Protein backbone atom coordinates (compact mmCIF):
# COMPACT_ATOMS: atom_id res chain seq x y z
CA MET A 1 -0.20 -0.15 0.02
CA ARG A 2 1.58 3.29 -0.82
CA SER A 3 2.18 5.60 1.95
CA PRO A 4 0.35 9.09 1.58
CA SER A 5 2.98 12.32 0.39
CA LEU A 6 3.97 14.53 2.89
CA THR A 7 4.09 17.45 -0.07
CA PRO A 8 0.63 18.95 0.19
CA ALA A 9 0.86 19.15 4.70
CA LEU A 10 4.98 21.00 4.02
CA ALA A 11 3.34 23.10 1.36
CA CYS A 12 0.79 24.17 3.68
CA LEU A 13 3.02 24.79 6.66
CA PRO A 14 4.16 27.97 5.69
CA VAL A 15 0.43 29.17 5.00
CA VAL A 16 -0.75 27.71 8.34
CA LEU A 17 2.30 29.74 10.14
CA ALA A 18 1.45 32.92 8.83
CA GLY A 19 -2.26 32.73 9.63
CA SER A 20 -1.47 31.94 13.02
CA ALA A 21 1.21 35.33 13.02
CA LYS A 22 -1.41 37.47 11.49
CA ALA A 23 -3.97 36.41 13.86
CA GLN A 24 -1.24 36.88 16.64
CA SER A 25 -0.54 40.37 15.47
CA ALA A 26 -3.81 41.08 14.89
CA GLN A 27 -4.56 40.77 18.94
CA PRO A 28 -5.21 43.86 20.47
CA THR A 29 -2.15 45.69 22.39
CA ALA A 30 -1.51 48.88 24.10
CA PRO A 31 1.46 50.82 22.34
CA TYR A 32 2.17 52.98 25.25
CA ARG A 33 2.91 52.70 28.56
CA HIS A 34 1.89 55.92 29.81
CA THR A 35 -1.94 57.43 29.89
CA LEU A 36 -3.11 60.87 31.39
CA ALA A 37 -6.99 61.44 31.26
CA VAL A 38 -8.70 64.63 32.05
CA SER A 39 -12.25 64.51 32.70
CA SER A 40 -15.64 66.21 34.11
CA GLY A 41 -19.07 65.71 34.32
CA VAL A 42 -22.21 65.25 36.76
CA ASN A 43 -22.95 63.51 39.91
CA PHE A 44 -26.25 62.58 41.33
CA THR A 45 -26.55 61.65 44.75
CA ASP A 46 -28.70 60.15 47.75
CA ARG A 47 -27.10 60.56 50.88
CA LEU A 48 -27.36 60.24 54.84
CA ASP A 49 -24.85 61.64 57.25
CA GLU A 50 -25.79 61.81 60.95
CA THR A 51 -23.00 64.17 61.64
CA ALA A 52 -25.22 66.82 60.55
CA SER A 53 -28.83 65.56 60.40
CA PRO A 54 -30.55 62.79 60.81
CA ARG A 55 -32.64 63.32 57.53
CA PRO A 56 -31.68 62.09 54.23
CA PHE A 57 -30.62 64.36 51.30
CA ALA A 58 -30.27 64.34 47.45
CA GLY A 59 -28.88 66.94 44.52
CA VAL A 60 -26.58 67.09 41.63
CA GLY A 61 -23.25 68.18 41.70
CA THR A 62 -20.23 68.47 39.17
CA ALA A 63 -16.94 66.93 39.05
CA ALA A 64 -13.29 66.85 37.56
CA ALA A 65 -10.75 64.18 37.66
CA LEU A 66 -7.21 63.61 36.53
CA ARG A 67 -6.40 60.32 36.02
CA TYR A 68 -3.06 58.32 34.87
CA ARG A 69 -1.86 54.78 34.42
CA PHE A 70 1.45 53.37 33.77
CA GLU A 71 1.55 49.79 32.19
CA PRO A 72 4.55 47.83 32.33
CA GLY A 73 3.95 44.71 30.84
CA ARG A 74 1.13 42.57 32.50
CA TRP A 75 1.28 45.28 35.68
CA SER A 76 -0.88 48.39 35.81
CA LEU A 77 -0.84 51.32 38.48
CA THR A 78 -3.37 53.71 38.07
CA VAL A 79 -3.21 57.00 40.10
CA GLU A 80 -6.66 59.28 40.52
CA ALA A 81 -7.27 62.73 41.93
CA GLY A 82 -10.70 64.36 41.61
CA GLY A 83 -12.85 67.22 43.09
CA ALA A 84 -16.38 67.55 43.66
CA ARG A 85 -18.92 70.35 44.25
CA ALA A 86 -22.80 69.73 44.91
CA ALA A 87 -26.13 71.10 46.54
CA TYR A 88 -28.92 68.95 48.31
CA GLN A 89 -32.08 69.45 48.86
CA PRO A 90 -34.03 67.29 51.94
CA ARG A 91 -36.11 64.33 51.00
CA ASP A 92 -38.69 64.83 53.49
CA GLU A 93 -41.22 67.84 53.42
CA LEU A 94 -38.93 69.89 55.99
CA ALA A 95 -36.95 72.88 55.08
CA GLY A 96 -33.15 73.07 55.61
CA SER A 97 -30.27 72.15 52.78
CA GLU A 98 -26.91 71.27 52.20
CA SER A 99 -23.68 71.81 50.30
CA ALA A 100 -20.34 69.78 49.90
CA ILE A 101 -17.06 70.43 48.36
CA ALA A 102 -15.27 67.12 48.65
CA GLY A 103 -11.67 65.76 47.40
CA ASP A 104 -10.32 62.25 46.76
CA VAL A 105 -7.48 60.33 45.68
CA SER A 106 -7.15 56.64 44.71
CA LEU A 107 -4.30 54.14 44.11
CA GLY A 108 -5.00 50.49 42.23
CA VAL A 109 -2.46 48.23 41.55
CA GLU A 110 -3.52 45.36 38.98
CA ARG A 111 -2.13 42.23 36.90
CA GLU A 112 -3.78 40.69 33.92
CA VAL A 113 -4.20 37.20 34.96
CA ALA A 114 -6.22 35.53 32.17
CA SER A 115 -6.82 37.03 28.59
CA SER A 116 -8.48 35.40 25.67
CA HIS A 117 -8.60 37.20 22.14
CA SER A 118 -9.69 40.52 22.85
CA ILE A 119 -10.72 40.11 26.32
CA ALA A 120 -7.71 40.56 29.54
CA LEU A 121 -8.82 39.92 33.08
CA ARG A 122 -6.82 42.01 35.98
CA LEU A 123 -7.04 41.71 39.88
CA GLY A 124 -5.25 43.83 42.05
CA LEU A 125 -6.10 46.19 45.05
CA THR A 126 -7.32 49.95 45.52
CA ALA A 127 -6.74 52.24 48.08
CA ASP A 128 -9.22 55.00 48.42
CA THR A 129 -9.09 58.18 50.37
CA ARG A 130 -11.45 60.97 50.15
CA ALA A 131 -12.38 64.16 52.20
CA GLU A 132 -15.44 66.37 52.84
CA LEU A 133 -16.56 69.82 53.63
CA LEU A 134 -20.16 69.89 54.50
CA GLU A 135 -22.07 72.84 54.81
CA HIS A 136 -26.09 72.05 56.45
CA ARG A 137 -28.51 74.66 56.73
CA TYR A 138 -30.78 74.17 59.55
CA ALA A 139 -34.49 74.89 59.30
CA ASP A 140 -35.22 77.21 61.99
CA VAL A 141 -35.70 80.71 61.97
CA ALA A 142 -32.29 82.48 61.39
CA SER A 143 -31.20 79.66 59.09
CA THR A 144 -28.06 78.67 61.20
CA LEU A 145 -25.24 77.39 59.00
CA SER A 146 -22.80 74.74 60.33
CA SER A 147 -19.91 73.02 58.93
CA PHE A 148 -18.50 69.17 59.08
CA VAL A 149 -15.65 67.74 57.77
CA THR A 150 -15.05 64.11 57.34
CA GLY A 151 -12.75 61.54 55.38
CA PHE A 152 -12.33 58.16 54.62
CA SER A 153 -9.16 55.97 53.79
CA THR A 154 -10.41 52.56 52.64
CA LEU A 155 -8.82 49.13 51.30
CA GLY A 156 -9.86 46.53 48.79
CA PRO A 157 -9.72 44.46 46.26
CA SER A 158 -10.54 45.07 42.56
CA ALA A 159 -11.20 43.19 39.75
CA SER A 160 -10.94 44.52 36.12
CA LEU A 161 -12.09 43.34 32.62
CA ARG A 162 -11.14 45.20 29.47
CA ARG A 163 -12.19 44.70 25.77
CA SER A 164 -11.32 46.15 22.41
CA LEU A 165 -13.98 47.77 21.32
CA GLY A 166 -13.38 49.14 17.31
CA SER A 167 -10.18 51.06 17.35
CA GLY A 168 -10.67 51.83 21.19
CA GLU A 169 -10.86 50.10 24.45
CA VAL A 170 -13.48 49.34 26.83
CA SER A 171 -13.13 48.63 30.51
CA ALA A 172 -15.37 47.76 33.76
CA THR A 173 -13.68 47.60 37.01
CA ALA A 174 -15.25 47.02 40.23
CA VAL A 175 -13.90 48.07 43.53
CA VAL A 176 -14.88 46.71 47.17
CA PRO A 177 -13.31 48.47 50.18
CA VAL A 178 -12.64 46.09 53.46
CA VAL A 179 -10.73 47.96 55.95
CA GLY A 180 -9.63 51.30 56.37
CA LEU A 181 -9.86 54.53 58.48
CA ALA A 182 -12.25 57.25 59.10
CA LEU A 183 -12.07 60.73 60.39
CA GLN A 184 -15.73 61.94 61.72
CA PRO A 185 -15.57 64.22 64.57
CA TYR A 186 -18.70 66.00 65.62
CA ALA A 187 -17.74 69.13 65.81
CA ASN A 188 -18.98 72.60 63.41
CA THR A 189 -15.94 73.72 62.23
CA ARG A 190 -16.92 76.97 62.69
CA GLN A 191 -17.05 77.56 66.07
CA GLU A 192 -14.37 74.65 67.55
CA ARG A 193 -11.45 72.75 66.57
CA GLU A 194 -11.32 69.25 67.63
CA PRO A 195 -8.14 66.71 67.57
CA ILE A 196 -7.92 64.87 64.67
CA SER A 197 -8.60 61.05 65.87
CA LEU A 198 -8.92 58.28 63.77
CA ARG A 199 -10.91 55.69 63.72
CA HIS A 200 -10.02 51.92 62.58
CA VAL A 201 -12.79 50.62 59.79
CA ASP A 202 -13.27 46.54 59.68
CA PHE A 203 -16.01 44.87 57.04
CA SER A 204 -18.54 44.53 60.18
CA ALA A 205 -18.83 48.61 59.71
CA LEU A 206 -18.43 49.52 56.31
CA ARG A 207 -20.35 48.02 53.13
CA GLY A 208 -20.13 49.20 49.63
CA GLY A 209 -18.20 49.42 46.41
CA SER A 210 -18.02 50.79 43.13
CA LEU A 211 -18.26 49.89 39.48
CA ASP A 212 -16.73 52.17 36.86
CA VAL A 213 -17.50 51.55 33.27
CA ARG A 214 -15.26 53.53 30.82
CA TYR A 215 -14.30 53.73 27.20
CA GLU A 216 -11.46 55.50 25.74
CA SER A 217 -10.86 55.92 22.15
CA SER A 218 -8.49 54.31 19.50
CA ARG A 219 -6.03 52.66 21.71
CA THR A 220 -3.24 53.46 19.13
CA ALA A 221 -3.42 57.29 19.09
CA ARG A 222 -1.57 59.50 20.87
CA LEU A 223 -4.64 61.66 21.50
CA GLY A 224 -8.56 60.42 21.91
CA VAL A 225 -11.75 60.85 24.13
CA VAL A 226 -13.10 59.09 27.00
CA ALA A 227 -16.63 58.47 28.09
CA GLU A 228 -17.14 57.25 32.03
CA TYR A 229 -20.05 56.48 34.06
CA ARG A 230 -19.58 55.30 37.40
CA MET A 231 -22.07 53.97 40.35
CA ARG A 232 -20.94 54.19 43.99
CA THR A 233 -22.21 53.08 47.12
CA PHE A 234 -21.33 53.67 50.63
CA ASP A 235 -22.89 52.77 53.71
CA TYR A 236 -20.64 53.12 57.47
CA THR A 237 -22.08 52.21 60.50
CA GLY A 238 -19.23 52.52 62.78
CA GLY A 239 -19.62 55.89 64.19
CA TRP A 240 -21.81 58.47 62.96
CA ARG A 241 -23.71 56.56 60.11
CA THR A 242 -22.40 58.03 56.47
CA ARG A 243 -24.35 56.56 53.48
CA SER A 244 -24.61 57.55 49.98
CA PHE A 245 -25.65 56.40 46.71
CA THR A 246 -23.85 58.21 43.48
CA ASN A 247 -24.50 57.88 39.71
CA ALA A 248 -21.53 59.91 37.68
CA THR A 249 -21.27 60.34 34.06
CA SER A 250 -18.47 62.19 32.78
CA LEU A 251 -16.23 63.09 29.61
CA GLY A 252 -12.85 64.05 28.65
CA PHE A 253 -9.97 63.82 26.90
CA VAL A 254 -6.67 61.22 27.16
CA ALA A 255 -3.32 61.51 25.82
CA ARG A 256 -0.65 58.48 25.40
CA PHE A 257 3.31 59.08 26.01
CA GLY A 258 5.93 56.23 26.27
CA THR A 259 6.13 53.39 23.65
CA LYS A 260 6.31 49.76 25.52
CA ALA A 261 9.38 48.03 24.78
CA ARG A 262 9.28 45.15 22.03
């Protein structure tokens, strides 16, 4: 019996290898190590801060953020700083109002643990520090105005999914805080200054999390646009109760620089 010839298989081998190389080269890569994004948007918040009042409030605010990301290989380091200003009205039928100025800084470190075609999964840790100056106008005849300062610093695991979409990239990042520190003096800063006292926070007194859905255009271009939606819940019961639910939408620009080593 005649053995089948290997010639057709050998002839097809270069075609197969070329096709494999083409498929690998078609997989999305991030050609820049550094990414800098500036964005601004609108926040819608329902909140309760018992340092000022046991009543729930809700309102709209504006925010701006500066975000830097460094990606050396499978690792990524993200630093974000932002500020917000908002005005709130009571959800009951009583009078009164609140306004707040807030700032936050977050640091996240993640590593890619799995990838398939155009989708990548990253796991890591995120540290988040937030401070707020809240001005509460009471429903009395004199419309008394008091100011309160609060701050929280939390640490928790994060998970990100990234997927190429057209020439850009869409990502979803979830963070769950599990431990931290709380600064929550029950003092009107217009009249008195309490010493700084930090309280340890664990998971039994802290519930919440955030989900950030983000789109960045044209990963291969130096400049692009960014659109983001962020949902955040926070509920602290270890001291004066602080509870909030925020929906935030923002738009901005992104710049990339520093090519990756090949």
